[in-house]
């Protein structure tokens, strides 16, 4: 009986330890589902797209909270958004902090990948 409890605790610990690079592992299925639906609902997309960052205001405590000086919403969650020239959102991805990138690869390239 005691070994079963220890095994279960170890399994749960390993499961969450593997999620270290993904700070939004709890809501990742929702983000993926929304991105899929956004791309299905609007076709054809056209030829012009825009990649930009957006801030969602948040004043609480969280490790993903960002501060950007010089904009009306200074504190909040930062998202990378792919939109059409009409302003329709096709894809978004929450910013999770600085990621390791290969040498010689720019930030714009990493966002689009």
PDB file of N, CA and C in Angstrom:
ATOM      1  N   UNK A   1       0.826  -1.195   0.000  1.00  0.00           N
ATOM      2  CA  UNK A   1       0.000   0.000   0.000  1.00  0.00           C
ATOM      3  C   UNK A   1       0.868   1.255   0.000  1.00  0.00           C
ATOM      4  N   UNK A   2       1.887   1.261   0.825  1.00  0.00           N
ATOM      5  CA  UNK A   2       2.751   2.429   0.939  1.00  0.00           C
ATOM      6  C   UNK A   2       3.541   2.665  -0.350  1.00  0.00           C
ATOM      7  N   UNK A   3       3.981   1.578  -0.999  1.00  0.00           N
ATOM      8  CA  UNK A   3       4.726   1.711  -2.253  1.00  0.00           C
ATOM      9  C   UNK A   3       3.864   2.300  -3.366  1.00  0.00           C
ATOM     10  N   UNK A   4       2.572   1.980  -3.360  1.00  0.00           N
ATOM     11  CA  UNK A   4       1.669   2.520  -4.377  1.00  0.00           C
ATOM     12  C   UNK A   4       1.554   4.039  -4.252  1.00  0.00           C
ATOM     13  N   UNK A   5       1.483   4.521  -3.028  1.00  0.00           N
ATOM     14  CA  UNK A   5       1.380   5.959  -2.793  1.00  0.00           C
ATOM     15  C   UNK A   5       2.658   6.656  -3.239  1.00  0.00           C
ATOM     16  N   UNK A   6       3.799   6.086  -2.894  1.00  0.00           N
ATOM     17  CA  UNK A   6       5.085   6.666  -3.288  1.00  0.00           C
ATOM     18  C   UNK A   6       5.214   6.672  -4.811  1.00  0.00           C
ATOM     19  N   UNK A   7       4.809   5.578  -5.465  1.00  0.00           N
ATOM     20  CA  UNK A   7       4.865   5.511  -6.924  1.00  0.00           C
ATOM     21  C   UNK A   7       3.981   6.579  -7.571  1.00  0.00           C
ATOM     22  N   UNK A   8       2.793   6.764  -7.014  1.00  0.00           N
ATOM     23  CA  UNK A   8       1.882   7.773  -7.564  1.00  0.00           C
ATOM     24  C   UNK A   8       2.463   9.179  -7.405  1.00  0.00           C
ATOM     25  N   UNK A   9       3.051   9.462  -6.241  1.00  0.00           N
ATOM     26  CA  UNK A   9       3.670  10.765  -6.005  1.00  0.00           C
ATOM     27  C   UNK A   9       4.829  10.982  -6.973  1.00  0.00           C
ATOM     28  N   UNK A  10       5.645   9.959  -7.186  1.00  0.00           N
ATOM     29  CA  UNK A  10       6.776  10.071  -8.120  1.00  0.00           C
ATOM     30  C   UNK A  10       6.290  10.309  -9.548  1.00  0.00           C
ATOM     31  N   UNK A  11       5.243   9.594  -9.958  1.00  0.00           N
ATOM     32  CA  UNK A  11       4.705   9.775 -11.305  1.00  0.00           C
ATOM     33  C   UNK A  11       4.196  11.197 -11.520  1.00  0.00           C
ATOM     34  N   UNK A  12       3.472  11.729 -10.540  1.00  0.00           N
ATOM     35  CA  UNK A  12       2.950  13.095 -10.653  1.00  0.00           C
ATOM     36  C   UNK A  12       4.087  14.120 -10.677  1.00  0.00           C
ATOM     37  N   UNK A  13       5.109  13.900  -9.863  1.00  0.00           N
ATOM     38  CA  UNK A  13       6.249  14.811  -9.821  1.00  0.00           C
ATOM     39  C   UNK A  13       6.979  14.826 -11.156  1.00  0.00           C
ATOM     40  N   UNK A  14       7.197  13.661 -11.730  1.00  0.00           N
ATOM     41  CA  UNK A  14       7.876  13.559 -13.023  1.00  0.00           C
ATOM     42  C   UNK A  14       7.043  14.219 -14.112  1.00  0.00           C
ATOM     43  N   UNK A  15       5.720  14.024 -14.059  1.00  0.00           N
ATOM     44  CA  UNK A  15       4.840  14.614 -15.065  1.00  0.00           C
ATOM     45  C   UNK A  15       4.960  16.138 -15.078  1.00  0.00           C
ATOM     46  N   UNK A  16       4.979  16.760 -13.901  1.00  0.00           N
ATOM     47  CA  UNK A  16       5.074  18.215 -13.837  1.00  0.00           C
ATOM     48  C   UNK A  16       6.505  18.715 -14.034  1.00  0.00           C
ATOM     49  N   UNK A  17       7.490  17.918 -13.713  1.00  0.00           N
ATOM     50  CA  UNK A  17       8.882  18.323 -13.923  1.00  0.00           C
ATOM     51  C   UNK A  17       9.192  18.432 -15.411  1.00  0.00           C
ATOM     52  N   UNK A  18       8.563  17.595 -16.217  1.00  0.00           N
ATOM     53  CA  UNK A  18       8.786  17.638 -17.668  1.00  0.00           C
ATOM     54  C   UNK A  18       8.153  18.865 -18.312  1.00  0.00           C
ATOM     55  N   UNK A  19       7.273  19.540 -17.604  1.00  0.00           N
ATOM     56  CA  UNK A  19       6.604  20.720 -18.125  1.00  0.00           C
ATOM     57  C   UNK A  19       7.377  22.001 -17.825  1.00  0.00           C
ATOM     58  N   UNK A  20       8.628  21.912 -17.429  1.00  0.00           N
ATOM     59  CA  UNK A  20       9.366  23.086 -16.966  1.00  0.00           C
ATOM     60  C   UNK A  20       9.479  24.189 -18.017  1.00  0.00           C
ATOM     61  N   UNK A  21       9.577  23.854 -19.293  1.00  0.00           N
ATOM     62  CA  UNK A  21       9.687  24.865 -20.327  1.00  0.00           C
ATOM     63  C   UNK A  21       8.351  25.442 -20.753  1.00  0.00           C
ATOM     64  N   UNK A  22       7.268  24.853 -20.279  1.00  0.00           N
ATOM     65  CA  UNK A  22       5.930  25.273 -20.676  1.00  0.00           C
ATOM     66  C   UNK A  22       5.193  25.795 -19.452  1.00  0.00           C
ATOM     67  N   UNK A  23       5.234  27.105 -19.240  1.00  0.00           N
ATOM     68  CA  UNK A  23       4.635  27.688 -18.043  1.00  0.00           C
ATOM     69  C   UNK A  23       3.111  27.691 -18.099  1.00  0.00           C
ATOM     70  N   UNK A  24       2.543  27.448 -19.261  1.00  0.00           N
ATOM     71  CA  UNK A  24       1.087  27.455 -19.383  1.00  0.00           C
ATOM     72  C   UNK A  24       0.548  26.055 -19.681  1.00  0.00           C
ATOM     73  N   UNK A  25       1.202  25.027 -19.146  1.00  0.00           N
ATOM     74  CA  UNK A  25       0.812  23.657 -19.460  1.00  0.00           C
ATOM     75  C   UNK A  25      -0.635  23.360 -19.097  1.00  0.00           C
ATOM     76  N   UNK A  26      -1.195  24.068 -18.129  1.00  0.00           N
ATOM     77  CA  UNK A  26      -2.585  23.816 -17.740  1.00  0.00           C
ATOM     78  C   UNK A  26      -3.574  24.327 -18.784  1.00  0.00           C
ATOM     79  N   UNK A  27      -3.245  25.410 -19.444  1.00  0.00           N
ATOM     80  CA  UNK A  27      -4.164  25.983 -20.431  1.00  0.00           C
ATOM     81  C   UNK A  27      -3.694  25.766 -21.869  1.00  0.00           C
ATOM     82  N   UNK A  28      -2.587  25.056 -22.073  1.00  0.00           N
ATOM     83  CA  UNK A  28      -2.074  24.815 -23.425  1.00  0.00           C
ATOM     84  C   UNK A  28      -3.111  24.120 -24.311  1.00  0.00           C
ATOM     85  N   UNK A  29      -3.864  23.114 -23.828  1.00  0.00           N
ATOM     86  CA  UNK A  29      -4.885  22.520 -24.702  1.00  0.00           C
ATOM     87  C   UNK A  29      -5.931  23.540 -25.166  1.00  0.00           C
ATOM     88  N   UNK A  30      -6.311  24.471 -24.308  1.00  0.00           N
ATOM     89  CA  UNK A  30      -7.273  25.508 -24.683  1.00  0.00           C
ATOM     90  C   UNK A  30      -6.681  26.447 -25.736  1.00  0.00           C
ATOM     91  N   UNK A  31      -5.446  26.860 -25.556  1.00  0.00           N
ATOM     92  CA  UNK A  31      -4.784  27.744 -26.526  1.00  0.00           C
ATOM     93  C   UNK A  31      -4.689  27.051 -27.883  1.00  0.00           C
ATOM     94  N   UNK A  32      -4.304  25.779 -27.891  1.00  0.00           N
ATOM     95  CA  UNK A  32      -4.204  25.038 -29.148  1.00  0.00           C
ATOM     96  C   UNK A  32      -5.567  24.907 -29.830  1.00  0.00           C
ATOM     97  N   UNK A  33      -6.602  24.629 -29.041  1.00  0.00           N
ATOM     98  CA  UNK A  33      -7.956  24.503 -29.595  1.00  0.00           C
ATOM     99  C   UNK A  33      -8.421  25.830 -30.202  1.00  0.00           C
ATOM    100  N   UNK A  34      -8.203  26.935 -29.489  1.00  0.00           N
ATOM    101  CA  UNK A  34      -8.610  28.245 -30.001  1.00  0.00           C
ATOM    102  C   UNK A  34      -7.860  28.600 -31.282  1.00  0.00           C
ATOM    103  N   UNK A  35      -6.556  28.331 -31.324  1.00  0.00           N
ATOM    104  CA  UNK A  35      -5.778  28.614 -32.536  1.00  0.00           C
ATOM    105  C   UNK A  35      -6.301  27.814 -33.728  1.00  0.00           C
ATOM    106  N   UNK A  36      -6.676  26.564 -33.476  1.00  0.00           N
ATOM    107  CA  UNK A  36      -7.221  25.721 -34.541  1.00  0.00           C
ATOM    108  C   UNK A  36      -8.548  26.290 -35.040  1.00  0.00           C
ATOM    109  N   UNK A  37      -9.419  26.686 -34.119  1.00  0.00           N
ATOM    110  CA  UNK A  37     -10.727  27.230 -34.498  1.00  0.00           C
ATOM    111  C   UNK A  37     -10.602  28.571 -35.218  1.00  0.00           C
ATOM    112  N   UNK A  38      -9.676  29.426 -34.777  1.00  0.00           N
ATOM    113  CA  UNK A  38      -9.475  30.716 -35.437  1.00  0.00           C
ATOM    114  C   UNK A  38      -9.103  30.517 -36.901  1.00  0.00           C
ATOM    115  N   UNK A  39      -8.229  29.559 -37.166  1.00  0.00           N
ATOM    116  CA  UNK A  39      -7.788  29.355 -38.547  1.00  0.00           C
ATOM    117  C   UNK A  39      -8.876  28.689 -39.393  1.00  0.00           C
ATOM    118  N   UNK A  40      -9.775  27.911 -38.769  1.00  0.00           N
ATOM    119  CA  UNK A  40     -10.854  27.264 -39.521  1.00  0.00           C
ATOM    120  C   UNK A  40     -11.984  28.233 -39.857  1.00  0.00           C
ATOM    121  N   UNK A  41     -12.234  29.204 -39.003  1.00  0.00           N
ATOM    122  CA  UNK A  41     -13.391  30.077 -39.167  1.00  0.00           C
ATOM    123  C   UNK A  41     -13.216  31.128 -40.249  1.00  0.00           C
ATOM    124  N   UNK A  42     -12.009  31.460 -40.585  1.00  0.00           N
ATOM    125  CA  UNK A  42     -11.791  32.570 -41.516  1.00  0.00           C
ATOM    126  C   UNK A  42     -10.911  32.116 -42.672  1.00  0.00           C
ATOM    127  N   UNK A  43     -11.510  31.858 -43.811  1.00  0.00           N
ATOM    128  CA  UNK A  43     -10.751  31.528 -45.009  1.00  0.00           C
ATOM    129  C   UNK A  43     -11.392  32.232 -46.181  1.00  0.00           C
ATOM    130  N   UNK A  44     -10.745  32.693 -47.191  1.00  0.00           N
ATOM    131  CA  UNK A  44      -9.292  32.738 -47.339  1.00  0.00           C
ATOM    132  C   UNK A  44      -8.685  33.869 -46.517  1.00  0.00           C
ATOM    133  N   UNK A  45      -7.429  33.720 -46.200  1.00  0.00           N
ATOM    134  CA  UNK A  45      -6.763  34.655 -45.300  1.00  0.00           C
ATOM    135  C   UNK A  45      -6.227  35.894 -45.996  1.00  0.00           C
ATOM    136  N   UNK A  46      -5.954  35.820 -47.258  1.00  0.00           N
ATOM    137  CA  UNK A  46      -5.336  36.952 -47.941  1.00  0.00           C
ATOM    138  C   UNK A  46      -3.833  36.764 -48.005  1.00  0.00           C
ATOM    139  N   UNK A  47      -3.130  37.827 -48.362  1.00  0.00           N
ATOM    140  CA  UNK A  47      -1.686  37.731 -48.545  1.00  0.00           C
ATOM    141  C   UNK A  47      -0.890  38.533 -47.534  1.00  0.00           C
ATOM    142  N   UNK A  48      -1.542  39.396 -46.789  1.00  0.00           N
ATOM    143  CA  UNK A  48      -0.825  40.266 -45.858  1.00  0.00           C
ATOM    144  C   UNK A  48      -1.165  39.901 -44.419  1.00  0.00           C
ATOM    145  N   UNK A  49      -0.117  39.700 -43.624  1.00  0.00           N
ATOM    146  CA  UNK A  49      -0.276  39.325 -42.223  1.00  0.00           C
ATOM    147  C   UNK A  49       0.558  40.255 -41.353  1.00  0.00           C
ATOM    148  N   UNK A  50       0.231  40.267 -40.084  1.00  0.00           N
ATOM    149  CA  UNK A  50       0.974  41.083 -39.132  1.00  0.00           C
ATOM    150  C   UNK A  50       1.255  40.253 -37.888  1.00  0.00           C
ATOM    151  N   UNK A  51       2.486  40.327 -37.397  1.00  0.00           N
ATOM    152  CA  UNK A  51       2.853  39.688 -36.136  1.00  0.00           C
ATOM    153  C   UNK A  51       3.187  40.802 -35.162  1.00  0.00           C
ATOM    154  N   UNK A  52       2.478  40.820 -34.045  1.00  0.00           N
ATOM    155  CA  UNK A  52       2.672  41.892 -33.083  1.00  0.00           C
ATOM    156  C   UNK A  52       2.457  41.340 -31.681  1.00  0.00           C
ATOM    157  N   UNK A  53       2.881  42.118 -30.706  1.00  0.00           N
ATOM    158  CA  UNK A  53       2.656  41.722 -29.318  1.00  0.00           C
ATOM    159  C   UNK A  53       1.443  42.474 -28.776  1.00  0.00           C
ATOM    160  N   UNK A  54       0.733  41.823 -27.870  1.00  0.00           N
ATOM    161  CA  UNK A  54      -0.430  42.433 -27.226  1.00  0.00           C
ATOM    162  C   UNK A  54      -0.317  42.194 -25.727  1.00  0.00           C
ATOM    163  N   UNK A  55      -0.859  43.132 -24.953  1.00  0.00           N
ATOM    164  CA  UNK A  55      -0.841  43.004 -23.491  1.00  0.00           C
ATOM    165  C   UNK A  55      -2.264  42.850 -22.975  1.00  0.00           C
ATOM    166  N   UNK A  56      -2.451  41.885 -22.110  1.00  0.00           N
ATOM    167  CA  UNK A  56      -3.713  41.713 -21.401  1.00  0.00           C
ATOM    168  C   UNK A  56      -3.476  42.186 -19.975  1.00  0.00           C
ATOM    169  N   UNK A  57      -4.214  43.205 -19.503  1.00  0.00           N
ATOM    170  CA  UNK A  57      -3.928  43.772 -18.179  1.00  0.00           C
ATOM    171  C   UNK A  57      -4.098  42.752 -17.056  1.00  0.00           C
ATOM    172  N   UNK A  58      -3.158  42.790 -16.115  1.00  0.00           N
ATOM    173  CA  UNK A  58      -3.212  41.915 -14.944  1.00  0.00           C
ATOM    174  C   UNK A  58      -2.400  42.572 -13.841  1.00  0.00           C
ATOM    175  N   UNK A  59      -3.014  42.750 -12.674  1.00  0.00           N
ATOM    176  CA  UNK A  59      -2.335  43.419 -11.571  1.00  0.00           C
ATOM    177  C   UNK A  59      -1.950  42.483 -10.439  1.00  0.00           C
ATOM    178  N   UNK A  60      -2.290  41.213 -10.548  1.00  0.00           N
ATOM    179  CA  UNK A  60      -1.953  40.256  -9.498  1.00  0.00           C
ATOM    180  C   UNK A  60      -0.509  39.801  -9.587  1.00  0.00           C
ATOM    181  N   UNK A  61      -0.218  38.738  -8.868  1.00  0.00           N
ATOM    182  CA  UNK A  61       1.134  38.163  -8.877  1.00  0.00           C
ATOM    183  C   UNK A  61       1.157  36.917  -9.743  1.00  0.00           C
ATOM    184  N   UNK A  62       2.107  36.868 -10.634  1.00  0.00           N
ATOM    185  CA  UNK A  62       2.291  35.693 -11.480  1.00  0.00           C
ATOM    186  C   UNK A  62       3.670  35.782 -12.115  1.00  0.00           C
ATOM    187  N   UNK A  63       4.301  34.646 -12.323  1.00  0.00           N
ATOM    188  CA  UNK A  63       5.661  34.647 -12.870  1.00  0.00           C
ATOM    189  C   UNK A  63       5.708  35.059 -14.338  1.00  0.00           C
ATOM    190  N   UNK A  64       4.589  34.996 -15.040  1.00  0.00           N
ATOM    191  CA  UNK A  64       4.563  35.383 -16.453  1.00  0.00           C
ATOM    192  C   UNK A  64       4.212  36.853 -16.656  1.00  0.00           C
ATOM    193  N   UNK A  65       3.939  37.587 -15.594  1.00  0.00           N
ATOM    194  CA  UNK A  65       3.547  38.989 -15.723  1.00  0.00           C
ATOM    195  C   UNK A  65       4.719  39.801 -16.265  1.00  0.00           C
ATOM    196  N   UNK A  66       4.421  40.681 -17.222  1.00  0.00           N
ATOM    197  CA  UNK A  66       5.435  41.495 -17.881  1.00  0.00           C
ATOM    198  C   UNK A  66       5.212  42.971 -17.578  1.00  0.00           C
ATOM    199  N   UNK A  67       6.274  43.752 -17.702  1.00  0.00           N
ATOM    200  CA  UNK A  67       6.207  45.204 -17.568  1.00  0.00           C
ATOM    201  C   UNK A  67       6.778  45.820 -18.829  1.00  0.00           C
ATOM    202  N   UNK A  68       6.006  46.695 -19.464  1.00  0.00           N
ATOM    203  CA  UNK A  68       6.487  47.412 -20.637  1.00  0.00           C
ATOM    204  C   UNK A  68       6.241  48.896 -20.403  1.00  0.00           C
ATOM    205  N   UNK A  69       7.315  49.664 -20.366  1.00  0.00           N
ATOM    206  CA  UNK A  69       7.198  51.104 -20.133  1.00  0.00           C
ATOM    207  C   UNK A  69       6.760  51.806 -21.417  1.00  0.00           C
ATOM    208  N   UNK A  70       5.972  52.838 -21.261  1.00  0.00           N
ATOM    209  CA  UNK A  70       5.604  53.660 -22.400  1.00  0.00           C
ATOM    210  C   UNK A  70       4.313  53.274 -23.087  1.00  0.00           C
ATOM    211  N   UNK A  71       3.569  52.330 -22.547  1.00  0.00           N
ATOM    212  CA  UNK A  71       2.273  51.991 -23.123  1.00  0.00           C
ATOM    213  C   UNK A  71       1.215  52.134 -22.036  1.00  0.00           C
ATOM    214  N   UNK A  72      -0.052  52.319 -22.414  1.00  0.00           N
ATOM    215  CA  UNK A  72      -1.088  52.524 -21.400  1.00  0.00           C
ATOM    216  C   UNK A  72      -1.249  51.352 -20.430  1.00  0.00           C
ATOM    217  N   UNK A  73      -1.146  50.133 -20.928  1.00  0.00           N
ATOM    218  CA  UNK A  73      -1.237  48.956 -20.063  1.00  0.00           C
ATOM    219  C   UNK A  73       0.193  48.515 -19.768  1.00  0.00           C
ATOM    220  N   UNK A  74       0.687  48.822 -18.585  1.00  0.00           N
ATOM    221  CA  UNK A  74       2.094  48.547 -18.280  1.00  0.00           C
ATOM    222  C   UNK A  74       2.328  47.147 -17.739  1.00  0.00           C
ATOM    223  N   UNK A  75       1.395  46.624 -16.958  1.00  0.00           N
ATOM    224  CA  UNK A  75       1.562  45.315 -16.345  1.00  0.00           C
ATOM    225  C   UNK A  75       0.519  44.355 -16.897  1.00  0.00           C
ATOM    226  N   UNK A  76       0.951  43.152 -17.200  1.00  0.00           N
ATOM    227  CA  UNK A  76      -0.001  42.163 -17.673  1.00  0.00           C
ATOM    228  C   UNK A  76       0.689  41.002 -18.355  1.00  0.00           C
ATOM    229  N   UNK A  77      -0.122  40.197 -19.014  1.00  0.00           N
ATOM    230  CA  UNK A  77       0.380  39.056 -19.768  1.00  0.00           C
ATOM    231  C   UNK A  77       0.617  39.492 -21.206  1.00  0.00           C
ATOM    232  N   UNK A  78       1.732  39.068 -21.757  1.00  0.00           N
ATOM    233  CA  UNK A  78       2.106  39.445 -23.121  1.00  0.00           C
ATOM    234  C   UNK A  78       1.815  38.279 -24.053  1.00  0.00           C
ATOM    235  N   UNK A  79       1.235  38.591 -25.201  1.00  0.00           N
ATOM    236  CA  UNK A  79       0.908  37.585 -26.204  1.00  0.00           C
ATOM    237  C   UNK A  79       1.508  37.989 -27.543  1.00  0.00           C
ATOM    238  N   UNK A  80       1.978  37.001 -28.298  1.00  0.00           N
ATOM    239  CA  UNK A  80       2.359  37.215 -29.686  1.00  0.00           C
ATOM    240  C   UNK A  80       1.144  36.849 -30.518  1.00  0.00           C
ATOM    241  N   UNK A  81       0.740  37.729 -31.438  1.00  0.00           N
ATOM    242  CA  UNK A  81      -0.486  37.538 -32.208  1.00  0.00           C
ATOM    243  C   UNK A  81      -0.196  37.608 -33.703  1.00  0.00           C
ATOM    244  N   UNK A  82      -0.776  36.680 -34.447  1.00  0.00           N
ATOM    245  CA  UNK A  82      -0.737  36.694 -35.906  1.00  0.00           C
ATOM    246  C   UNK A  82      -2.121  37.114 -36.375  1.00  0.00           C
ATOM    247  N   UNK A  83      -2.199  38.230 -37.101  1.00  0.00           N
ATOM    248  CA  UNK A  83      -3.486  38.743 -37.568  1.00  0.00           C
ATOM    249  C   UNK A  83      -3.447  38.996 -39.067  1.00  0.00           C
ATOM    250  N   UNK A  84      -4.635  39.058 -39.657  1.00  0.00           N
ATOM    251  CA  UNK A  84      -4.747  39.416 -41.067  1.00  0.00           C
ATOM    252  C   UNK A  84      -4.725  40.933 -41.192  1.00  0.00           C
ATOM    253  N   UNK A  85      -4.728  41.421 -42.421  1.00  0.00           N
ATOM    254  CA  UNK A  85      -4.757  42.872 -42.630  1.00  0.00           C
ATOM    255  C   UNK A  85      -6.090  43.473 -42.182  1.00  0.00           C
ATOM    256  N   UNK A  86      -7.131  42.629 -42.050  1.00  0.00           N
ATOM    257  CA  UNK A  86      -8.436  43.082 -41.551  1.00  0.00           C
ATOM    258  C   UNK A  86      -8.473  43.165 -40.032  1.00  0.00           C
ATOM    259  N   UNK A  87      -7.451  42.638 -39.365  1.00  0.00           N
ATOM    260  CA  UNK A  87      -7.430  42.631 -37.905  1.00  0.00           C
ATOM    261  C   UNK A  87      -7.969  41.353 -37.298  1.00  0.00           C
ATOM    262  N   UNK A  88      -8.242  40.333 -38.123  1.00  0.00           N
ATOM    263  CA  UNK A  88      -8.751  39.063 -37.619  1.00  0.00           C
ATOM    264  C   UNK A  88      -7.607  38.257 -37.018  1.00  0.00           C
ATOM    265  N   UNK A  89      -7.781  37.778 -35.805  1.00  0.00           N
ATOM    266  CA  UNK A  89      -6.759  37.000 -35.108  1.00  0.00           C
ATOM    267  C   UNK A  89      -6.740  35.576 -35.641  1.00  0.00           C
ATOM    268  N   UNK A  90      -5.594  35.142 -36.148  1.00  0.00           N
ATOM    269  CA  UNK A  90      -5.438  33.787 -36.665  1.00  0.00           C
ATOM    270  C   UNK A  90      -4.763  32.865 -35.665  1.00  0.00           C
ATOM    271  N   UNK A  91      -3.837  33.419 -34.893  1.00  0.00           N
ATOM    272  CA  UNK A  91      -3.069  32.607 -33.958  1.00  0.00           C
ATOM    273  C   UNK A  91      -2.509  33.511 -32.877  1.00  0.00           C
ATOM    274  N   UNK A  92      -2.434  32.995 -31.656  1.00  0.00           N
ATOM    275  CA  UNK A  92      -1.790  33.725 -30.570  1.00  0.00           C
ATOM    276  C   UNK A  92      -1.011  32.745 -29.722  1.00  0.00           C
ATOM    277  N   UNK A  93       0.008  33.256 -29.068  1.00  0.00           N
ATOM    278  CA  UNK A  93       0.830  32.426 -28.202  1.00  0.00           C
ATOM    279  C   UNK A  93       1.300  33.274 -27.029  1.00  0.00           C
ATOM    280  N   UNK A  94       1.037  32.829 -25.816  1.00  0.00           N
ATOM    281  CA  UNK A  94       1.487  33.602 -24.650  1.00  0.00           C
ATOM    282  C   UNK A  94       3.012  33.630 -24.565  1.00  0.00           C
ATOM    283  N   UNK A  95       3.552  34.793 -24.233  1.00  0.00           N
ATOM    284  CA  UNK A  95       4.990  34.950 -24.038  1.00  0.00           C
ATOM    285  C   UNK A  95       5.347  34.329 -22.693  1.00  0.00           C
ATOM    286  N   UNK A  96       6.320  33.418 -22.690  1.00  0.00           N
ATOM    287  CA  UNK A  96       6.678  32.687 -21.480  1.00  0.00           C
ATOM    288  C   UNK A  96       8.078  33.001 -20.988  1.00  0.00           C
ATOM    289  N   UNK A  97       8.627  34.088 -21.435  1.00  0.00           N
ATOM    290  CA  UNK A  97       9.967  34.454 -21.009  1.00  0.00           C
ATOM    291  C   UNK A  97      10.979  34.170 -22.096  1.00  0.00           C
ATOM    292  N   UNK A  98      12.198  34.561 -21.824  1.00  0.00           N
ATOM    293  CA  UNK A  98      13.272  34.406 -22.793  1.00  0.00           C
ATOM    294  C   UNK A  98      13.535  32.927 -23.041  1.00  0.00           C
ATOM    295  N   UNK A  99      13.611  32.562 -24.304  1.00  0.00           N
ATOM    296  CA  UNK A  99      13.877  31.178 -24.685  1.00  0.00           C
ATOM    297  C   UNK A  99      15.265  31.086 -25.303  1.00  0.00           C
ATOM    298  N   UNK A 100      15.846  29.913 -25.211  1.00  0.00           N
ATOM    299  CA  UNK A 100      17.133  29.678 -25.862  1.00  0.00           C
ATOM    300  C   UNK A 100      16.905  29.628 -27.364  1.00  0.00           C
ATOM    301  N   UNK A 101      17.712  30.345 -28.113  1.00  0.00           N
ATOM    302  CA  UNK A 101      17.598  30.308 -29.562  1.00  0.00           C
ATOM    303  C   UNK A 101      18.971  30.071 -30.163  1.00  0.00           C
ATOM    304  N   UNK A 102      19.008  29.415 -31.308  1.00  0.00           N
ATOM    305  CA  UNK A 102      20.290  29.157 -31.965  1.00  0.00           C
ATOM    306  C   UNK A 102      20.995  30.455 -32.334  1.00  0.00           C
ATOM    307  N   UNK A 103      22.302  30.402 -32.363  1.00  0.00           N
ATOM    308  CA  UNK A 103      23.095  31.583 -32.699  1.00  0.00           C
ATOM    309  C   UNK A 103      22.810  31.999 -34.137  1.00  0.00           C
ATOM    310  N   UNK A 104      22.642  33.297 -34.346  1.00  0.00           N
ATOM    311  CA  UNK A 104      22.377  33.816 -35.676  1.00  0.00           C
ATOM    312  C   UNK A 104      20.905  33.872 -36.047  1.00  0.00           C
ATOM    313  N   UNK A 105      20.018  33.446 -35.144  1.00  0.00           N
ATOM    314  CA  UNK A 105      18.581  33.477 -35.408  1.00  0.00           C
ATOM    315  C   UNK A 105      17.990  34.683 -34.693  1.00  0.00           C
ATOM    316  N   UNK A 106      17.256  35.516 -35.419  1.00  0.00           N
ATOM    317  CA  UNK A 106      16.696  36.734 -34.833  1.00  0.00           C
ATOM    318  C   UNK A 106      15.407  36.443 -34.068  1.00  0.00           C
ATOM    319  N   UNK A 107      14.963  37.420 -33.276  1.00  0.00           N
ATOM    320  CA  UNK A 107      13.731  37.281 -32.512  1.00  0.00           C
ATOM    321  C   UNK A 107      12.532  37.109 -33.437  1.00  0.00           C
ATOM    322  N   UNK A 108      12.483  37.850 -34.520  1.00  0.00           N
ATOM    323  CA  UNK A 108      11.371  37.736 -35.461  1.00  0.00           C
ATOM    324  C   UNK A 108      11.251  36.342 -36.046  1.00  0.00           C
ATOM    325  N   UNK A 109      12.375  35.732 -36.343  1.00  0.00           N
ATOM    326  CA  UNK A 109      12.372  34.368 -36.862  1.00  0.00           C
ATOM    327  C   UNK A 109      11.859  33.393 -35.814  1.00  0.00           C
ATOM    328  N   UNK A 110      12.269  33.577 -34.565  1.00  0.00           N
ATOM    329  CA  UNK A 110      11.817  32.685 -33.494  1.00  0.00           C
ATOM    330  C   UNK A 110      10.314  32.824 -33.256  1.00  0.00           C
ATOM    331  N   UNK A 111       9.774  34.018 -33.376  1.00  0.00           N
ATOM    332  CA  UNK A 111       8.340  34.224 -33.172  1.00  0.00           C
ATOM    333  C   UNK A 111       7.543  33.546 -34.270  1.00  0.00           C
ATOM    334  N   UNK A 112       8.017  33.645 -35.511  1.00  0.00           N
ATOM    335  CA  UNK A 112       7.266  33.058 -36.620  1.00  0.00           C
ATOM    336  C   UNK A 112       7.389  31.549 -36.673  1.00  0.00           C
ATOM    337  N   UNK A 113       8.429  30.998 -36.099  1.00  0.00           N
ATOM    338  CA  UNK A 113       8.572  29.541 -36.062  1.00  0.00           C
ATOM    339  C   UNK A 113       7.639  29.029 -35.023  1.00  0.00           C
TER     340      UNK A 113
END
